[in-house]
Amino acid sequence: DEYKHATAELEGILLTDENKAGKPRPRSERKIDDDAIVSPNGAWTWLSKGSAIRVSEDGTWDQKDSAETGREGSSQLFADGSWESKMKMGDGENFVHVNPDGSWTSKDSFRTVEVKADGTWRTQTEYDTKYSTPDGKVFRESSGRKTELPSGGHEVSHIQVPREPSLSYLEDGPGGGGVIPLKPRKPLQPGQQAVS
């Protein structure tokens, strides 16, 4: 159990105090950024050229980018360590939700992908559903037929693990005593189990 915990910490998949609210957040003491407004409790907002970031005293945050930034969308990090992001993609939207344990769901106009805490995964399109089982088997269901697939990793290689949202250079806070925001936890890779 100790080994699992240490390995998870090295891989960055362990939920830590850097990913969830509950402990007082450190403050950013450098010179305040020109586009930031910091409250006495350390909460802050930042507005610039179609982007807006709001960080609460506990380090949770939300971010919105308009179309003029070239990456229209939003992201939010919640107190329990979960996070979500929505990005405009052509005529659709890509939605990602990552749970505190690292399990996640991703949906776009073409496909839904889910990776569970036990490492199993599922992809679904309008044509078929592919999924793994806890014993490592991989199946495909299409037109009412179920087929076992080779479990050599080919299907897993088509699963794109979501990237954690970033506050870019404001990840270390805006200066002026603003709290340093929580960091989004890493999503699990397909086949990787959550460790608590």
C-alpha atoms as a PDB file:
ATOM      1  CA  ASP A   1       0.000   0.000   0.000  1.00  0.00           C
ATOM      2  CA  GLU A   2       2.882   2.370   0.833  1.00  0.00           C
ATOM      3  CA  TYR A   3       4.540   1.489  -2.470  1.00  0.00           C
ATOM      4  CA  LYS A   4       1.306   2.195  -4.389  1.00  0.00           C
ATOM      5  CA  HIS A   5       0.970   5.533  -2.611  1.00  0.00           C
ATOM      6  CA  ALA A   6       4.591   6.530  -3.318  1.00  0.00           C
ATOM      7  CA  THR A   7       4.306   5.490  -6.969  1.00  0.00           C
ATOM      8  CA  ALA A   8       1.062   7.461  -7.377  1.00  0.00           C
ATOM      9  CA  GLU A   9       2.742  10.500  -5.852  1.00  0.00           C
ATOM     10  CA  LEU A  10       5.661  10.194  -8.297  1.00  0.00           C
ATOM     11  CA  GLU A  11       3.273   9.791 -11.237  1.00  0.00           C
ATOM     12  CA  GLY A  12       1.372  12.886 -10.108  1.00  0.00           C
ATOM     13  CA  ILE A  13      -1.977  11.088  -9.833  1.00  0.00           C
ATOM     14  CA  LEU A  14      -2.402  11.462  -6.079  1.00  0.00           C
ATOM     15  CA  LEU A  15      -4.908  14.081  -4.901  1.00  0.00           C
ATOM     16  CA  THR A  16      -2.955  16.464  -2.639  1.00  0.00           C
ATOM     17  CA  ASP A  17      -3.537  19.725  -0.767  1.00  0.00           C
ATOM     18  CA  GLU A  18      -2.347  21.459  -3.953  1.00  0.00           C
ATOM     19  CA  ASN A  19      -5.450  20.118  -5.761  1.00  0.00           C
ATOM     20  CA  LYS A  20      -8.262  20.601  -3.214  1.00  0.00           C
ATOM     21  CA  ALA A  21      -9.454  23.242  -0.773  1.00  0.00           C
ATOM     22  CA  GLY A  22      -9.227  22.819   2.980  1.00  0.00           C
ATOM     23  CA  LYS A  23      -5.895  24.292   4.034  1.00  0.00           C
ATOM     24  CA  PRO A  24      -5.007  27.998   3.959  1.00  0.00           C
ATOM     25  CA  ARG A  25      -3.473  28.898   0.603  1.00  0.00           C
ATOM     26  CA  PRO A  26      -0.055  30.543   0.333  1.00  0.00           C
ATOM     27  CA  ARG A  27      -0.008  34.118  -0.968  1.00  0.00           C
ATOM     28  CA  SER A  28       1.727  35.603  -3.980  1.00  0.00           C
ATOM     29  CA  GLU A  29       3.834  38.471  -2.635  1.00  0.00           C
ATOM     30  CA  ARG A  30       5.492  39.776  -5.797  1.00  0.00           C
ATOM     31  CA  LYS A  31       4.460  43.086  -7.392  1.00  0.00           C
ATOM     32  CA  ILE A  32       0.782  42.937  -8.365  1.00  0.00           C
ATOM     33  CA  ASP A  33      -0.072  42.271 -12.017  1.00  0.00           C
ATOM     34  CA  ASP A  34      -1.594  45.338 -13.724  1.00  0.00           C
ATOM     35  CA  ASP A  35      -4.765  43.462 -14.739  1.00  0.00           C
ATOM     36  CA  ALA A  36      -5.438  41.950 -11.276  1.00  0.00           C
ATOM     37  CA  ILE A  37      -7.622  43.135  -8.410  1.00  0.00           C
ATOM     38  CA  VAL A  38      -6.824  41.495  -5.053  1.00  0.00           C
ATOM     39  CA  SER A  39      -9.227  41.502  -2.061  1.00  0.00           C
ATOM     40  CA  PRO A  40      -7.933  41.671   1.540  1.00  0.00           C
ATOM     41  CA  ASN A  41      -8.827  37.957   2.030  1.00  0.00           C
ATOM     42  CA  GLY A  42      -6.549  37.025  -0.904  1.00  0.00           C
ATOM     43  CA  ALA A  43      -9.295  36.321  -3.443  1.00  0.00           C
ATOM     44  CA  TRP A  44      -8.607  37.951  -6.797  1.00  0.00           C
ATOM     45  CA  THR A  45      -9.861  38.618 -10.293  1.00  0.00           C
ATOM     46  CA  TRP A  46      -7.933  39.207 -13.485  1.00  0.00           C
ATOM     47  CA  LEU A  47      -9.394  40.625 -16.707  1.00  0.00           C
ATOM     48  CA  SER A  48      -7.521  41.168 -19.971  1.00  0.00           C
ATOM     49  CA  LYS A  49      -8.241  40.959 -23.713  1.00  0.00           C
ATOM     50  CA  GLY A  50     -11.185  38.567 -23.667  1.00  0.00           C
ATOM     51  CA  SER A  51      -9.952  36.482 -20.727  1.00  0.00           C
ATOM     52  CA  ALA A  52     -11.267  36.503 -17.165  1.00  0.00           C
ATOM     53  CA  ILE A  53      -9.985  34.596 -14.123  1.00  0.00           C
ATOM     54  CA  ARG A  54     -11.613  34.569 -10.692  1.00  0.00           C
ATOM     55  CA  VAL A  55      -9.839  32.905  -7.754  1.00  0.00           C
ATOM     56  CA  SER A  56     -11.515  32.446  -4.352  1.00  0.00           C
ATOM     57  CA  GLU A  57      -9.819  32.648  -0.955  1.00  0.00           C
ATOM     58  CA  ASP A  58      -9.685  28.816  -0.782  1.00  0.00           C
ATOM     59  CA  GLY A  59      -7.793  28.633  -4.102  1.00  0.00           C
ATOM     60  CA  THR A  60     -10.683  27.349  -6.220  1.00  0.00           C
ATOM     61  CA  TRP A  61     -11.079  29.161  -9.513  1.00  0.00           C
ATOM     62  CA  ASP A  62     -12.860  29.649 -12.795  1.00  0.00           C
ATOM     63  CA  GLN A  63     -11.571  30.969 -16.087  1.00  0.00           C
ATOM     64  CA  LYS A  64     -13.352  32.133 -19.245  1.00  0.00           C
ATOM     65  CA  ASP A  65     -11.858  32.920 -22.648  1.00  0.00           C
ATOM     66  CA  SER A  66     -13.877  34.595 -25.413  1.00  0.00           C
ATOM     67  CA  ALA A  67     -13.556  33.854 -29.135  1.00  0.00           C
ATOM     68  CA  GLU A  68     -11.153  36.789 -29.584  1.00  0.00           C
ATOM     69  CA  THR A  69      -8.501  34.889 -27.581  1.00  0.00           C
ATOM     70  CA  GLY A  70      -8.479  32.107 -30.181  1.00  0.00           C
ATOM     71  CA  ARG A  71      -9.477  29.470 -27.610  1.00  0.00           C
ATOM     72  CA  GLU A  72     -13.091  30.114 -26.651  1.00  0.00           C
ATOM     73  CA  GLY A  73     -14.083  28.171 -23.562  1.00  0.00           C
ATOM     74  CA  SER A  74     -14.069  27.956 -19.798  1.00  0.00           C
ATOM     75  CA  SER A  75     -12.620  25.890 -16.980  1.00  0.00           C
ATOM     76  CA  GLN A  76     -13.355  25.535 -13.292  1.00  0.00           C
ATOM     77  CA  LEU A  77     -11.563  23.904 -10.356  1.00  0.00           C
ATOM     78  CA  PHE A  78     -13.827  22.893  -7.445  1.00  0.00           C
ATOM     79  CA  ALA A  79     -13.126  22.590  -3.695  1.00  0.00           C
ATOM     80  CA  ASP A  80     -13.105  18.750  -3.738  1.00  0.00           C
ATOM     81  CA  GLY A  81     -10.322  18.700  -6.346  1.00  0.00           C
ATOM     82  CA  SER A  82     -12.528  17.951  -9.332  1.00  0.00           C
ATOM     83  CA  TRP A  83     -12.398  20.154 -12.422  1.00  0.00           C
ATOM     84  CA  GLU A  84     -14.240  20.805 -15.670  1.00  0.00           C
ATOM     85  CA  SER A  85     -13.423  22.436 -18.968  1.00  0.00           C
ATOM     86  CA  LYS A  86     -15.504  23.358 -22.001  1.00  0.00           C
ATOM     87  CA  MET A  87     -13.887  24.350 -25.285  1.00  0.00           C
ATOM     88  CA  LYS A  88     -15.534  25.380 -28.539  1.00  0.00           C
ATOM     89  CA  MET A  89     -14.423  23.039 -31.299  1.00  0.00           C
ATOM     90  CA  GLY A  90     -15.614  23.992 -34.797  1.00  0.00           C
ATOM     91  CA  ASP A  91     -19.392  23.766 -34.651  1.00  0.00           C
ATOM     92  CA  GLY A  92     -19.417  21.775 -31.405  1.00  0.00           C
ATOM     93  CA  GLU A  93     -18.024  21.743 -27.905  1.00  0.00           C
ATOM     94  CA  ASN A  94     -15.578  19.512 -26.056  1.00  0.00           C
ATOM     95  CA  PHE A  95     -16.593  18.949 -22.412  1.00  0.00           C
ATOM     96  CA  VAL A  96     -14.306  17.335 -19.810  1.00  0.00           C
ATOM     97  CA  HIS A  97     -15.089  16.480 -16.177  1.00  0.00           C
ATOM     98  CA  VAL A  98     -12.346  15.058 -13.929  1.00  0.00           C
ATOM     99  CA  ASN A  99     -13.357  13.650 -10.515  1.00  0.00           C
ATOM    100  CA  PRO A 100     -11.293  14.005  -7.305  1.00  0.00           C
ATOM    101  CA  ASP A 101     -10.031  10.401  -7.730  1.00  0.00           C
ATOM    102  CA  GLY A 102      -8.757  11.135 -11.274  1.00  0.00           C
ATOM    103  CA  SER A 103     -11.492   9.259 -13.128  1.00  0.00           C
ATOM    104  CA  TRP A 104     -12.933  11.311 -15.978  1.00  0.00           C
ATOM    105  CA  THR A 105     -15.415  11.770 -18.806  1.00  0.00           C
ATOM    106  CA  SER A 106     -14.856  13.605 -22.087  1.00  0.00           C
ATOM    107  CA  LYS A 107     -17.605  14.372 -24.619  1.00  0.00           C
ATOM    108  CA  ASP A 108     -17.561  16.001 -28.023  1.00  0.00           C
ATOM    109  CA  SER A 109     -19.857  15.831 -31.045  1.00  0.00           C
ATOM    110  CA  PHE A 110     -18.192  12.607 -32.215  1.00  0.00           C
ATOM    111  CA  ARG A 111     -17.374  10.543 -29.135  1.00  0.00           C
ATOM    112  CA  THR A 112     -17.766  10.057 -25.388  1.00  0.00           C
ATOM    113  CA  VAL A 113     -14.810   8.662 -23.430  1.00  0.00           C
ATOM    114  CA  GLU A 114     -14.847   7.530 -19.803  1.00  0.00           C
ATOM    115  CA  VAL A 115     -11.976   6.302 -17.626  1.00  0.00           C
ATOM    116  CA  LYS A 116     -13.063   4.920 -14.235  1.00  0.00           C
ATOM    117  CA  ALA A 117     -11.193   4.806 -10.913  1.00  0.00           C
ATOM    118  CA  ASP A 118     -10.525   1.065 -11.329  1.00  0.00           C
ATOM    119  CA  GLY A 119      -8.663   1.770 -14.595  1.00  0.00           C
ATOM    120  CA  THR A 120     -11.364   0.445 -16.896  1.00  0.00           C
ATOM    121  CA  TRP A 121     -12.401   2.625 -19.807  1.00  0.00           C
ATOM    122  CA  ARG A 122     -15.222   3.038 -22.311  1.00  0.00           C
ATOM    123  CA  THR A 123     -15.487   4.881 -25.653  1.00  0.00           C
ATOM    124  CA  GLN A 124     -18.764   5.386 -27.445  1.00  0.00           C
ATOM    125  CA  THR A 125     -19.546   6.745 -30.917  1.00  0.00           C
ATOM    126  CA  GLU A 126     -22.709   6.529 -32.971  1.00  0.00           C
ATOM    127  CA  TYR A 127     -21.238   3.400 -34.609  1.00  0.00           C
ATOM    128  CA  ASP A 128     -19.878   1.361 -31.720  1.00  0.00           C
ATOM    129  CA  THR A 129     -18.880   1.089 -28.077  1.00  0.00           C
ATOM    130  CA  LYS A 130     -15.487  -0.208 -26.956  1.00  0.00           C
ATOM    131  CA  TYR A 131     -14.646  -0.926 -23.339  1.00  0.00           C
ATOM    132  CA  SER A 132     -12.263  -2.720 -21.031  1.00  0.00           C
ATOM    133  CA  THR A 133     -13.041  -4.928 -18.044  1.00  0.00           C
ATOM    134  CA  PRO A 134     -11.195  -5.110 -14.689  1.00  0.00           C
ATOM    135  CA  ASP A 135      -9.487  -8.342 -15.828  1.00  0.00           C
ATOM    136  CA  GLY A 136      -7.910  -6.514 -18.810  1.00  0.00           C
ATOM    137  CA  LYS A 137     -10.159  -7.769 -21.598  1.00  0.00           C
ATOM    138  CA  VAL A 138     -11.336  -5.377 -24.329  1.00  0.00           C
ATOM    139  CA  PHE A 139     -14.699  -5.633 -26.104  1.00  0.00           C
ATOM    140  CA  ARG A 140     -16.463  -3.944 -28.996  1.00  0.00           C
ATOM    141  CA  GLU A 141     -20.233  -3.757 -29.307  1.00  0.00           C
ATOM    142  CA  SER A 142     -21.827  -2.749 -32.597  1.00  0.00           C
ATOM    143  CA  SER A 143     -25.218  -3.518 -34.141  1.00  0.00           C
ATOM    144  CA  GLY A 144     -26.091  -5.739 -31.174  1.00  0.00           C
ATOM    145  CA  ARG A 145     -22.952  -7.897 -31.546  1.00  0.00           C
ATOM    146  CA  LYS A 146     -20.233  -8.177 -28.898  1.00  0.00           C
ATOM    147  CA  THR A 147     -16.683  -9.050 -29.988  1.00  0.00           C
ATOM    148  CA  GLU A 148     -13.578  -9.495 -27.866  1.00  0.00           C
ATOM    149  CA  LEU A 149     -10.621  -7.489 -29.203  1.00  0.00           C
ATOM    150  CA  PRO A 150      -6.907  -8.097 -28.663  1.00  0.00           C
ATOM    151  CA  SER A 151      -5.894  -6.280 -25.474  1.00  0.00           C
ATOM    152  CA  GLY A 152      -2.464  -5.204 -26.774  1.00  0.00           C
ATOM    153  CA  GLY A 153      -3.145  -1.514 -26.296  1.00  0.00           C
ATOM    154  CA  HIS A 154      -4.238  -0.509 -29.817  1.00  0.00           C
ATOM    155  CA  GLU A 155      -7.668   0.689 -28.635  1.00  0.00           C
ATOM    156  CA  VAL A 156      -6.158   2.526 -25.655  1.00  0.00           C
ATOM    157  CA  SER A 157      -3.769   4.437 -27.919  1.00  0.00           C
ATOM    158  CA  HIS A 158      -6.796   6.163 -29.479  1.00  0.00           C
ATOM    159  CA  ILE A 159      -7.898   7.581 -26.119  1.00  0.00           C
ATOM    160  CA  GLN A 160      -6.639  11.103 -25.622  1.00  0.00           C
ATOM    161  CA  VAL A 161      -6.286  11.886 -21.913  1.00  0.00           C
ATOM    162  CA  PRO A 162      -7.459  15.460 -21.257  1.00  0.00           C
ATOM    163  CA  ARG A 163      -4.851  18.083 -20.454  1.00  0.00           C
ATOM    164  CA  GLU A 164      -5.258  19.948 -17.200  1.00  0.00           C
ATOM    165  CA  PRO A 165      -6.475  23.534 -17.668  1.00  0.00           C
ATOM    166  CA  SER A 166      -3.855  26.198 -17.056  1.00  0.00           C
ATOM    167  CA  LEU A 167      -3.889  29.731 -15.694  1.00  0.00           C
ATOM    168  CA  SER A 168      -0.574  30.231 -17.573  1.00  0.00           C
ATOM    169  CA  TYR A 169       1.701  32.730 -15.869  1.00  0.00           C
ATOM    170  CA  LEU A 170      -0.898  33.357 -13.118  1.00  0.00           C
ATOM    171  CA  GLU A 171      -0.501  29.802 -11.719  1.00  0.00           C
ATOM    172  CA  ASP A 172       1.735  31.359  -9.052  1.00  0.00           C
ATOM    173  CA  GLY A 173      -0.818  34.072  -8.256  1.00  0.00           C
ATOM    174  CA  PRO A 174      -1.150  37.700  -9.349  1.00  0.00           C
ATOM    175  CA  GLY A 175       1.129  39.182  -6.700  1.00  0.00           C
ATOM    176  CA  GLY A 176      -0.109  41.762  -4.200  1.00  0.00           C
ATOM    177  CA  GLY A 177      -1.023  39.109  -1.610  1.00  0.00           C
ATOM    178  CA  GLY A 178      -3.398  37.178  -3.876  1.00  0.00           C
ATOM    179  CA  VAL A 179      -3.750  33.485  -3.071  1.00  0.00           C
ATOM    180  CA  ILE A 180      -1.856  30.986  -5.194  1.00  0.00           C
ATOM    181  CA  PRO A 181      -4.561  29.019  -7.030  1.00  0.00           C
ATOM    182  CA  LEU A 182      -5.071  25.292  -6.596  1.00  0.00           C
ATOM    183  CA  LYS A 183      -3.626  23.123  -9.356  1.00  0.00           C
ATOM    184  CA  PRO A 184      -5.839  20.777 -11.379  1.00  0.00           C
ATOM    185  CA  ARG A 185      -5.179  17.121 -10.577  1.00  0.00           C
ATOM    186  CA  LYS A 186      -3.928  14.859 -13.354  1.00  0.00           C
ATOM    187  CA  PRO A 187      -6.526  12.618 -15.005  1.00  0.00           C
ATOM    188  CA  LEU A 188      -5.904   8.865 -14.881  1.00  0.00           C
ATOM    189  CA  GLN A 189      -4.519   7.109 -17.945  1.00  0.00           C
ATOM    190  CA  PRO A 190      -6.634   4.220 -19.277  1.00  0.00           C
ATOM    191  CA  GLY A 191      -5.661   1.153 -17.220  1.00  0.00           C
ATOM    192  CA  GLN A 192      -4.289   3.257 -14.347  1.00  0.00           C
ATOM    193  CA  GLN A 193      -6.045   2.822 -10.984  1.00  0.00           C
ATOM    194  CA  ALA A 194      -6.868   5.620  -8.562  1.00  0.00           C
ATOM    195  CA  VAL A 195      -4.931   5.672  -5.283  1.00  0.00           C
ATOM    196  CA  SER A 196      -6.183   7.461  -2.182  1.00  0.00           C
END
